[in-house]
ModelCIF file with pLDDT and N, C-alpha, C, O atoms, coordinates in Angstrom:
data_MODEL
#
_entry.id   MODEL 
#
_entity.id                         1 
_entity.type                       polymer 
_entity.pdbx_number_of_molecules   1 
#
_entity_poly.entity_id                      1 
_entity_poly.type                           'polypeptide(L)' 
_entity_poly.nstd_linkage                   no 
_entity_poly.nstd_monomer                   no 
_entity_poly.pdbx_seq_one_letter_code       AERFGFCFEGIFRQHMVVKGLNRDTAWYSITDREWLRA 
_entity_poly.pdbx_seq_one_letter_code_can   AERFGFCFEGIFRQHMVVKGLNRDTAWYSITDREWLRA 
_entity_poly.pdbx_strand_id                 A 
#
loop_
_entity_poly_seq.entity_id 
_entity_poly_seq.num 
_entity_poly_seq.mon_id 
_entity_poly_seq.hetero 
1 1  ALA n 
1 2  GLU n 
1 3  ARG n 
1 4  PHE n 
1 5  GLY n 
1 6  PHE n 
1 7  CYS n 
1 8  PHE n 
1 9  GLU n 
1 10 GLY n 
1 11 ILE n 
1 12 PHE n 
1 13 ARG n 
1 14 GLN n 
1 15 HIS n 
1 16 MET n 
1 17 VAL n 
1 18 VAL n 
1 19 LYS n 
1 20 GLY n 
1 21 LEU n 
1 22 ASN n 
1 23 ARG n 
1 24 ASP n 
1 25 THR n 
1 26 ALA n 
1 27 TRP n 
1 28 TYR n 
1 29 SER n 
1 30 ILE n 
1 31 THR n 
1 32 ASP n 
1 33 ARG n 
1 34 GLU n 
1 35 TRP n 
1 36 LEU n 
1 37 ARG n 
1 38 ALA n 
#
_struct_asym.id          A 
_struct_asym.entity_id   1 
#
loop_
_ma_qa_metric.id 
_ma_qa_metric.mode 
_ma_qa_metric.name 
_ma_qa_metric.software_group_id 
_ma_qa_metric.type 
1 global pLDDT . pLDDT 
2 local  pLDDT . pLDDT 
#
_ma_qa_metric_global.metric_id      1 
_ma_qa_metric_global.metric_value   94.97 
_ma_qa_metric_global.model_id       1 
_ma_qa_metric_global.ordinal_id     1 
#
loop_
_ma_qa_metric_local.label_asym_id 
_ma_qa_metric_local.label_comp_id 
_ma_qa_metric_local.label_seq_id 
_ma_qa_metric_local.metric_id 
_ma_qa_metric_local.metric_value 
_ma_qa_metric_local.model_id 
_ma_qa_metric_local.ordinal_id 
A ALA 1  2 95.00 1 1  
A GLU 2  2 94.00 1 2  
A ARG 3  2 92.00 1 3  
A PHE 4  2 93.00 1 4  
A GLY 5  2 93.00 1 5  
A PHE 6  2 96.00 1 6  
A CYS 7  2 96.00 1 7  
A PHE 8  2 97.00 1 8  
A GLU 9  2 97.00 1 9  
A GLY 10 2 97.00 1 10 
A ILE 11 2 97.00 1 11 
A PHE 12 2 97.00 1 12 
A ARG 13 2 97.00 1 13 
A GLN 14 2 97.00 1 14 
A HIS 15 2 97.00 1 15 
A MET 16 2 95.00 1 16 
A VAL 17 2 96.00 1 17 
A VAL 18 2 94.00 1 18 
A LYS 19 2 93.00 1 19 
A GLY 20 2 94.00 1 20 
A LEU 21 2 95.00 1 21 
A ASN 22 2 96.00 1 22 
A ARG 23 2 96.00 1 23 
A ASP 24 2 97.00 1 24 
A THR 25 2 98.00 1 25 
A ALA 26 2 98.00 1 26 
A TRP 27 2 98.00 1 27 
A TYR 28 2 98.00 1 28 
A SER 29 2 97.00 1 29 
A ILE 30 2 96.00 1 30 
A THR 31 2 96.00 1 31 
A ASP 32 2 95.00 1 32 
A ARG 33 2 93.00 1 33 
A GLU 34 2 92.00 1 34 
A TRP 35 2 93.00 1 35 
A LEU 36 2 87.00 1 36 
A ARG 37 2 88.00 1 37 
A ALA 38 2 89.00 1 38 
#
loop_
_atom_site.group_PDB 
_atom_site.id 
_atom_site.type_symbol 
_atom_site.label_atom_id 
_atom_site.label_alt_id 
_atom_site.label_comp_id 
_atom_site.label_asym_id 
_atom_site.label_entity_id 
_atom_site.label_seq_id 
_atom_site.pdbx_PDB_ins_code 
_atom_site.Cartn_x 
_atom_site.Cartn_y 
_atom_site.Cartn_z 
_atom_site.occupancy 
_atom_site.B_iso_or_equiv 
_atom_site.pdbx_formal_charge 
_atom_site.auth_seq_id 
_atom_site.auth_comp_id 
_atom_site.auth_asym_id 
_atom_site.auth_atom_id 
_atom_site.pdbx_PDB_model_num 
ATOM 1   N N  . ALA A 1 1  ? 1.939   2.537  7.549  1.00 95.00 ? 1  ALA A N  1 
ATOM 2   C CA . ALA A 1 1  ? 0.537   2.543  7.137  1.00 95.00 ? 1  ALA A CA 1 
ATOM 3   C C  . ALA A 1 1  ? 0.380   3.136  5.743  1.00 95.00 ? 1  ALA A C  1 
ATOM 4   O O  . ALA A 1 1  ? -0.368  2.609  4.920  1.00 95.00 ? 1  ALA A O  1 
ATOM 5   N N  . GLU A 1 2  ? 1.076   4.217  5.485  1.00 94.00 ? 2  GLU A N  1 
ATOM 6   C CA . GLU A 1 2  ? 0.987   4.844  4.168  1.00 94.00 ? 2  GLU A CA 1 
ATOM 7   C C  . GLU A 1 2  ? 1.605   3.954  3.095  1.00 94.00 ? 2  GLU A C  1 
ATOM 8   O O  . GLU A 1 2  ? 1.078   3.852  1.988  1.00 94.00 ? 2  GLU A O  1 
ATOM 9   N N  . ARG A 1 3  ? 2.725   3.308  3.426  1.00 92.00 ? 3  ARG A N  1 
ATOM 10  C CA . ARG A 1 3  ? 3.348   2.389  2.461  1.00 92.00 ? 3  ARG A CA 1 
ATOM 11  C C  . ARG A 1 3  ? 2.411   1.228  2.136  1.00 92.00 ? 3  ARG A C  1 
ATOM 12  O O  . ARG A 1 3  ? 2.366   0.765  0.996  1.00 92.00 ? 3  ARG A O  1 
ATOM 13  N N  . PHE A 1 4  ? 1.663   0.756  3.136  1.00 93.00 ? 4  PHE A N  1 
ATOM 14  C CA . PHE A 1 4  ? 0.777   -0.376 2.934  1.00 93.00 ? 4  PHE A CA 1 
ATOM 15  C C  . PHE A 1 4  ? -0.525  0.001  2.231  1.00 93.00 ? 4  PHE A C  1 
ATOM 16  O O  . PHE A 1 4  ? -1.370  -0.862 1.993  1.00 93.00 ? 4  PHE A O  1 
ATOM 17  N N  . GLY A 1 5  ? -0.694  1.270  1.899  1.00 93.00 ? 5  GLY A N  1 
ATOM 18  C CA . GLY A 1 5  ? -1.861  1.686  1.137  1.00 93.00 ? 5  GLY A CA 1 
ATOM 19  C C  . GLY A 1 5  ? -3.004  2.241  1.950  1.00 93.00 ? 5  GLY A C  1 
ATOM 20  O O  . GLY A 1 5  ? -4.088  2.456  1.409  1.00 93.00 ? 5  GLY A O  1 
ATOM 21  N N  . PHE A 1 6  ? -2.797  2.486  3.254  1.00 96.00 ? 6  PHE A N  1 
ATOM 22  C CA . PHE A 1 6  ? -3.840  3.099  4.067  1.00 96.00 ? 6  PHE A CA 1 
ATOM 23  C C  . PHE A 1 6  ? -3.911  4.598  3.797  1.00 96.00 ? 6  PHE A C  1 
ATOM 24  O O  . PHE A 1 6  ? -2.895  5.242  3.535  1.00 96.00 ? 6  PHE A O  1 
ATOM 25  N N  . CYS A 1 7  ? -5.105  5.135  3.864  1.00 96.00 ? 7  CYS A N  1 
ATOM 26  C CA . CYS A 1 7  ? -5.339  6.562  3.659  1.00 96.00 ? 7  CYS A CA 1 
ATOM 27  C C  . CYS A 1 7  ? -5.443  7.260  5.014  1.00 96.00 ? 7  CYS A C  1 
ATOM 28  O O  . CYS A 1 7  ? -6.196  6.822  5.884  1.00 96.00 ? 7  CYS A O  1 
ATOM 29  N N  . PHE A 1 8  ? -4.690  8.339  5.192  1.00 97.00 ? 8  PHE A N  1 
ATOM 30  C CA . PHE A 1 8  ? -4.746  9.132  6.416  1.00 97.00 ? 8  PHE A CA 1 
ATOM 31  C C  . PHE A 1 8  ? -6.048  9.925  6.449  1.00 97.00 ? 8  PHE A C  1 
ATOM 32  O O  . PHE A 1 8  ? -6.400  10.592 5.476  1.00 97.00 ? 8  PHE A O  1 
ATOM 33  N N  . GLU A 1 9  ? -6.765  9.850  7.581  1.00 97.00 ? 9  GLU A N  1 
ATOM 34  C CA . GLU A 1 9  ? -8.069  10.490 7.674  1.00 97.00 ? 9  GLU A CA 1 
ATOM 35  C C  . GLU A 1 9  ? -8.125  11.640 8.677  1.00 97.00 ? 9  GLU A C  1 
ATOM 36  O O  . GLU A 1 9  ? -9.060  12.441 8.646  1.00 97.00 ? 9  GLU A O  1 
ATOM 37  N N  . GLY A 1 10 ? -7.146  11.730 9.555  1.00 97.00 ? 10 GLY A N  1 
ATOM 38  C CA . GLY A 1 10 ? -7.170  12.819 10.510 1.00 97.00 ? 10 GLY A CA 1 
ATOM 39  C C  . GLY A 1 10 ? -6.691  12.380 11.882 1.00 97.00 ? 10 GLY A C  1 
ATOM 40  O O  . GLY A 1 10 ? -6.295  11.231 12.079 1.00 97.00 ? 10 GLY A O  1 
ATOM 41  N N  . ILE A 1 11 ? -6.732  13.315 12.832 1.00 97.00 ? 11 ILE A N  1 
ATOM 42  C CA . ILE A 1 11 ? -6.227  13.064 14.179 1.00 97.00 ? 11 ILE A CA 1 
ATOM 43  C C  . ILE A 1 11 ? -7.335  13.310 15.195 1.00 97.00 ? 11 ILE A C  1 
ATOM 44  O O  . ILE A 1 11 ? -7.972  14.363 15.186 1.00 97.00 ? 11 ILE A O  1 
ATOM 45  N N  . PHE A 1 12 ? -7.555  12.356 16.051 1.00 97.00 ? 12 PHE A N  1 
ATOM 46  C CA . PHE A 1 12 ? -8.457  12.521 17.189 1.00 97.00 ? 12 PHE A CA 1 
ATOM 47  C C  . PHE A 1 12 ? -7.613  13.004 18.366 1.00 97.00 ? 12 PHE A C  1 
ATOM 48  O O  . PHE A 1 12 ? -6.846  12.229 18.938 1.00 97.00 ? 12 PHE A O  1 
ATOM 49  N N  . ARG A 1 13 ? -7.749  14.269 18.727 1.00 97.00 ? 13 ARG A N  1 
ATOM 50  C CA . ARG A 1 13 ? -6.938  14.847 19.787 1.00 97.00 ? 13 ARG A CA 1 
ATOM 51  C C  . ARG A 1 13 ? -7.402  14.362 21.152 1.00 97.00 ? 13 ARG A C  1 
ATOM 52  O O  . ARG A 1 13 ? -8.597  14.210 21.405 1.00 97.00 ? 13 ARG A O  1 
ATOM 53  N N  . GLN A 1 14 ? -6.423  14.120 22.033 1.00 97.00 ? 14 GLN A N  1 
ATOM 54  C CA . GLN A 1 14 ? -6.690  13.643 23.389 1.00 97.00 ? 14 GLN A CA 1 
ATOM 55  C C  . GLN A 1 14 ? -7.684  12.479 23.378 1.00 97.00 ? 14 GLN A C  1 
ATOM 56  O O  . GLN A 1 14 ? -8.651  12.452 24.139 1.00 97.00 ? 14 GLN A O  1 
ATOM 57  N N  . HIS A 1 15 ? -7.418  11.538 22.505 1.00 97.00 ? 15 HIS A N  1 
ATOM 58  C CA . HIS A 1 15 ? -8.316  10.415 22.286 1.00 97.00 ? 15 HIS A CA 1 
ATOM 59  C C  . HIS A 1 15 ? -8.225  9.387  23.407 1.00 97.00 ? 15 HIS A C  1 
ATOM 60  O O  . HIS A 1 15 ? -9.231  8.786  23.783 1.00 97.00 ? 15 HIS A O  1 
ATOM 61  N N  . MET A 1 16 ? -7.004  9.181  23.949 1.00 95.00 ? 16 MET A N  1 
ATOM 62  C CA . MET A 1 16 ? -6.792  8.151  24.960 1.00 95.00 ? 16 MET A CA 1 
ATOM 63  C C  . MET A 1 16 ? -5.718  8.599  25.944 1.00 95.00 ? 16 MET A C  1 
ATOM 64  O O  . MET A 1 16 ? -4.975  9.550  25.704 1.00 95.00 ? 16 MET A O  1 
ATOM 65  N N  . VAL A 1 17 ? -5.665  7.875  27.063 1.00 96.00 ? 17 VAL A N  1 
ATOM 66  C CA . VAL A 1 17 ? -4.527  7.957  27.972 1.00 96.00 ? 17 VAL A CA 1 
ATOM 67  C C  . VAL A 1 17 ? -3.902  6.570  27.989 1.00 96.00 ? 17 VAL A C  1 
ATOM 68  O O  . VAL A 1 17 ? -4.549  5.604  28.393 1.00 96.00 ? 17 VAL A O  1 
ATOM 69  N N  . VAL A 1 18 ? -2.657  6.462  27.556 1.00 94.00 ? 18 VAL A N  1 
ATOM 70  C CA . VAL A 1 18 ? -1.962  5.181  27.459 1.00 94.00 ? 18 VAL A CA 1 
ATOM 71  C C  . VAL A 1 18 ? -0.697  5.254  28.306 1.00 94.00 ? 18 VAL A C  1 
ATOM 72  O O  . VAL A 1 18 ? 0.155   6.118  28.097 1.00 94.00 ? 18 VAL A O  1 
ATOM 73  N N  . LYS A 1 19 ? -0.587  4.349  29.251 1.00 93.00 ? 19 LYS A N  1 
ATOM 74  C CA . LYS A 1 19 ? 0.563   4.305  30.154 1.00 93.00 ? 19 LYS A CA 1 
ATOM 75  C C  . LYS A 1 19 ? 0.762   5.650  30.846 1.00 93.00 ? 19 LYS A C  1 
ATOM 76  O O  . LYS A 1 19 ? 1.888   6.101  31.062 1.00 93.00 ? 19 LYS A O  1 
ATOM 77  N N  . GLY A 1 20 ? -0.362  6.277  31.187 1.00 94.00 ? 20 GLY A N  1 
ATOM 78  C CA . GLY A 1 20 ? -0.340  7.530  31.920 1.00 94.00 ? 20 GLY A CA 1 
ATOM 79  C C  . GLY A 1 20 ? -0.092  8.762  31.080 1.00 94.00 ? 20 GLY A C  1 
ATOM 80  O O  . GLY A 1 20 ? 0.020   9.863  31.619 1.00 94.00 ? 20 GLY A O  1 
ATOM 81  N N  . LEU A 1 21 ? -0.004  8.598  29.763 1.00 95.00 ? 21 LEU A N  1 
ATOM 82  C CA . LEU A 1 21 ? 0.305   9.717  28.876 1.00 95.00 ? 21 LEU A CA 1 
ATOM 83  C C  . LEU A 1 21 ? -0.827  9.945  27.885 1.00 95.00 ? 21 LEU A C  1 
ATOM 84  O O  . LEU A 1 21 ? -1.515  9.009  27.476 1.00 95.00 ? 21 LEU A O  1 
ATOM 85  N N  . ASN A 1 22 ? -1.007  11.217 27.504 1.00 96.00 ? 22 ASN A N  1 
ATOM 86  C CA . ASN A 1 22 ? -1.994  11.539 26.489 1.00 96.00 ? 22 ASN A CA 1 
ATOM 87  C C  . ASN A 1 22 ? -1.631  10.881 25.164 1.00 96.00 ? 22 ASN A C  1 
ATOM 88  O O  . ASN A 1 22 ? -0.460  10.806 24.789 1.00 96.00 ? 22 ASN A O  1 
ATOM 89  N N  . ARG A 1 23 ? -2.658  10.407 24.462 1.00 96.00 ? 23 ARG A N  1 
ATOM 90  C CA . ARG A 1 23 ? -2.464  9.906  23.101 1.00 96.00 ? 23 ARG A CA 1 
ATOM 91  C C  . ARG A 1 23 ? -3.391  10.626 22.152 1.00 96.00 ? 23 ARG A C  1 
ATOM 92  O O  . ARG A 1 23 ? -4.612  10.535 22.273 1.00 96.00 ? 23 ARG A O  1 
ATOM 93  N N  . ASP A 1 24 ? -2.809  11.343 21.203 1.00 97.00 ? 24 ASP A N  1 
ATOM 94  C CA . ASP A 1 24 ? -3.535  11.830 20.033 1.00 97.00 ? 24 ASP A CA 1 
ATOM 95  C C  . ASP A 1 24 ? -3.469  10.711 19.005 1.00 97.00 ? 24 ASP A C  1 
ATOM 96  O O  . ASP A 1 24 ? -2.385  10.213 18.700 1.00 97.00 ? 24 ASP A O  1 
ATOM 97  N N  . THR A 1 25 ? -4.616  10.312 18.468 1.00 98.00 ? 25 THR A N  1 
ATOM 98  C CA . THR A 1 25 ? -4.673  9.142  17.613 1.00 98.00 ? 25 THR A CA 1 
ATOM 99  C C  . THR A 1 25 ? -4.826  9.531  16.149 1.00 98.00 ? 25 THR A C  1 
ATOM 100 O O  . THR A 1 25 ? -5.748  10.262 15.786 1.00 98.00 ? 25 THR A O  1 
ATOM 101 N N  . ALA A 1 26 ? -3.923  9.042  15.316 1.00 98.00 ? 26 ALA A N  1 
ATOM 102 C CA . ALA A 1 26 ? -4.012  9.216  13.865 1.00 98.00 ? 26 ALA A CA 1 
ATOM 103 C C  . ALA A 1 26 ? -4.821  8.065  13.288 1.00 98.00 ? 26 ALA A C  1 
ATOM 104 O O  . ALA A 1 26 ? -4.538  6.902  13.575 1.00 98.00 ? 26 ALA A O  1 
ATOM 105 N N  . TRP A 1 27 ? -5.819  8.377  12.480 1.00 98.00 ? 27 TRP A N  1 
ATOM 106 C CA . TRP A 1 27 ? -6.707  7.366  11.896 1.00 98.00 ? 27 TRP A CA 1 
ATOM 107 C C  . TRP A 1 27 ? -6.331  7.129  10.439 1.00 98.00 ? 27 TRP A C  1 
ATOM 108 O O  . TRP A 1 27 ? -6.141  8.067  9.665  1.00 98.00 ? 27 TRP A O  1 
ATOM 109 N N  . TYR A 1 28 ? -6.232  5.862  10.091 1.00 98.00 ? 28 TYR A N  1 
ATOM 110 C CA . TYR A 1 28 ? -5.962  5.437  8.711  1.00 98.00 ? 28 TYR A CA 1 
ATOM 111 C C  . TYR A 1 28 ? -6.974  4.361  8.331  1.00 98.00 ? 28 TYR A C  1 
ATOM 112 O O  . TYR A 1 28 ? -7.491  3.649  9.192  1.00 98.00 ? 28 TYR A O  1 
ATOM 113 N N  . SER A 1 29 ? -7.247  4.250  7.047  1.00 97.00 ? 29 SER A N  1 
ATOM 114 C CA . SER A 1 29 ? -8.153  3.188  6.605  1.00 97.00 ? 29 SER A CA 1 
ATOM 115 C C  . SER A 1 29 ? -7.902  2.829  5.149  1.00 97.00 ? 29 SER A C  1 
ATOM 116 O O  . SER A 1 29 ? -7.314  3.593  4.383  1.00 97.00 ? 29 SER A O  1 
ATOM 117 N N  . ILE A 1 30 ? -8.370  1.635  4.798  1.00 96.00 ? 30 ILE A N  1 
ATOM 118 C CA . ILE A 1 30 ? -8.530  1.216  3.404  1.00 96.00 ? 30 ILE A CA 1 
ATOM 119 C C  . ILE A 1 30 ? -9.988  0.780  3.279  1.00 96.00 ? 30 ILE A C  1 
ATOM 120 O O  . ILE A 1 30 ? -10.472 0.017  4.114  1.00 96.00 ? 30 ILE A O  1 
ATOM 121 N N  . THR A 1 31 ? -10.690 1.247  2.258  1.00 96.00 ? 31 THR A N  1 
ATOM 122 C CA . THR A 1 31 ? -12.055 0.797  2.019  1.00 96.00 ? 31 THR A CA 1 
ATOM 123 C C  . THR A 1 31 ? -12.051 -0.301 0.959  1.00 96.00 ? 31 THR A C  1 
ATOM 124 O O  . THR A 1 31 ? -11.063 -0.499 0.251  1.00 96.00 ? 31 THR A O  1 
ATOM 125 N N  . ASP A 1 32 ? -13.163 -1.004 0.865  1.00 95.00 ? 32 ASP A N  1 
ATOM 126 C CA . ASP A 1 32 ? -13.251 -2.084 -0.110 1.00 95.00 ? 32 ASP A CA 1 
ATOM 127 C C  . ASP A 1 32 ? -13.093 -1.558 -1.542 1.00 95.00 ? 32 ASP A C  1 
ATOM 128 O O  . ASP A 1 32 ? -12.609 -2.278 -2.415 1.00 95.00 ? 32 ASP A O  1 
ATOM 129 N N  . ARG A 1 33 ? -13.493 -0.328 -1.779 1.00 93.00 ? 33 ARG A N  1 
ATOM 130 C CA . ARG A 1 33 ? -13.347 0.250  -3.118 1.00 93.00 ? 33 ARG A CA 1 
ATOM 131 C C  . ARG A 1 33 ? -11.883 0.535  -3.452 1.00 93.00 ? 33 ARG A C  1 
ATOM 132 O O  . ARG A 1 33 ? -11.516 0.619  -4.625 1.00 93.00 ? 33 ARG A O  1 
ATOM 133 N N  . GLU A 1 34 ? -11.045 0.684  -2.418 1.00 92.00 ? 34 GLU A N  1 
ATOM 134 C CA . GLU A 1 34 ? -9.635  1.044  -2.606 1.00 92.00 ? 34 GLU A CA 1 
ATOM 135 C C  . GLU A 1 34 ? -8.698  -0.155 -2.560 1.00 92.00 ? 34 GLU A C  1 
ATOM 136 O O  . GLU A 1 34 ? -7.522  -0.037 -2.904 1.00 92.00 ? 34 GLU A O  1 
ATOM 137 N N  . TRP A 1 35 ? -9.207  -1.303 -2.141 1.00 93.00 ? 35 TRP A N  1 
ATOM 138 C CA . TRP A 1 35 ? -8.343  -2.456 -1.927 1.00 93.00 ? 35 TRP A CA 1 
ATOM 139 C C  . TRP A 1 35 ? -7.817  -2.981 -3.263 1.00 93.00 ? 35 TRP A C  1 
ATOM 140 O O  . TRP A 1 35 ? -8.584  -3.448 -4.105 1.00 93.00 ? 35 TRP A O  1 
ATOM 141 N N  . LEU A 1 36 ? -6.512  -2.898 -3.443 1.00 87.00 ? 36 LEU A N  1 
ATOM 142 C CA . LEU A 1 36 ? -5.856  -3.340 -4.675 1.00 87.00 ? 36 LEU A CA 1 
ATOM 143 C C  . LEU A 1 36 ? -4.889  -4.465 -4.328 1.00 87.00 ? 36 LEU A C  1 
ATOM 144 O O  . LEU A 1 36 ? -3.685  -4.254 -4.179 1.00 87.00 ? 36 LEU A O  1 
ATOM 145 N N  . ARG A 1 37 ? -5.446  -5.656 -4.205 1.00 88.00 ? 37 ARG A N  1 
ATOM 146 C CA . ARG A 1 37 ? -4.618  -6.794 -3.815 1.00 88.00 ? 37 ARG A CA 1 
ATOM 147 C C  . ARG A 1 37 ? -3.544  -7.094 -4.859 1.00 88.00 ? 37 ARG A C  1 
ATOM 148 O O  . ARG A 1 37 ? -2.506  -7.671 -4.536 1.00 88.00 ? 37 ARG A O  1 
ATOM 149 N N  . ALA A 1 38 ? -3.793  -6.701 -6.117 1.00 89.00 ? 38 ALA A N  1 
ATOM 150 C CA . ALA A 1 38 ? -2.820  -6.989 -7.172 1.00 89.00 ? 38 ALA A CA 1 
ATOM 151 C C  . ALA A 1 38 ? -1.475  -6.317 -6.902 1.00 89.00 ? 38 ALA A C  1 
ATOM 152 O O  . ALA A 1 38 ? -0.544  -6.458 -7.695 1.00 89.00 ? 38 ALA A O  1 
#
């Protein structure tokens, strides 16, 4: 995600239970102002 240009925004703790296990979720994003297709 970082290589592809996404910005790390933080972690949502105990966000989900996936396959019976806790998932802390890391959020990444690219905004239209940051999109550098070149």
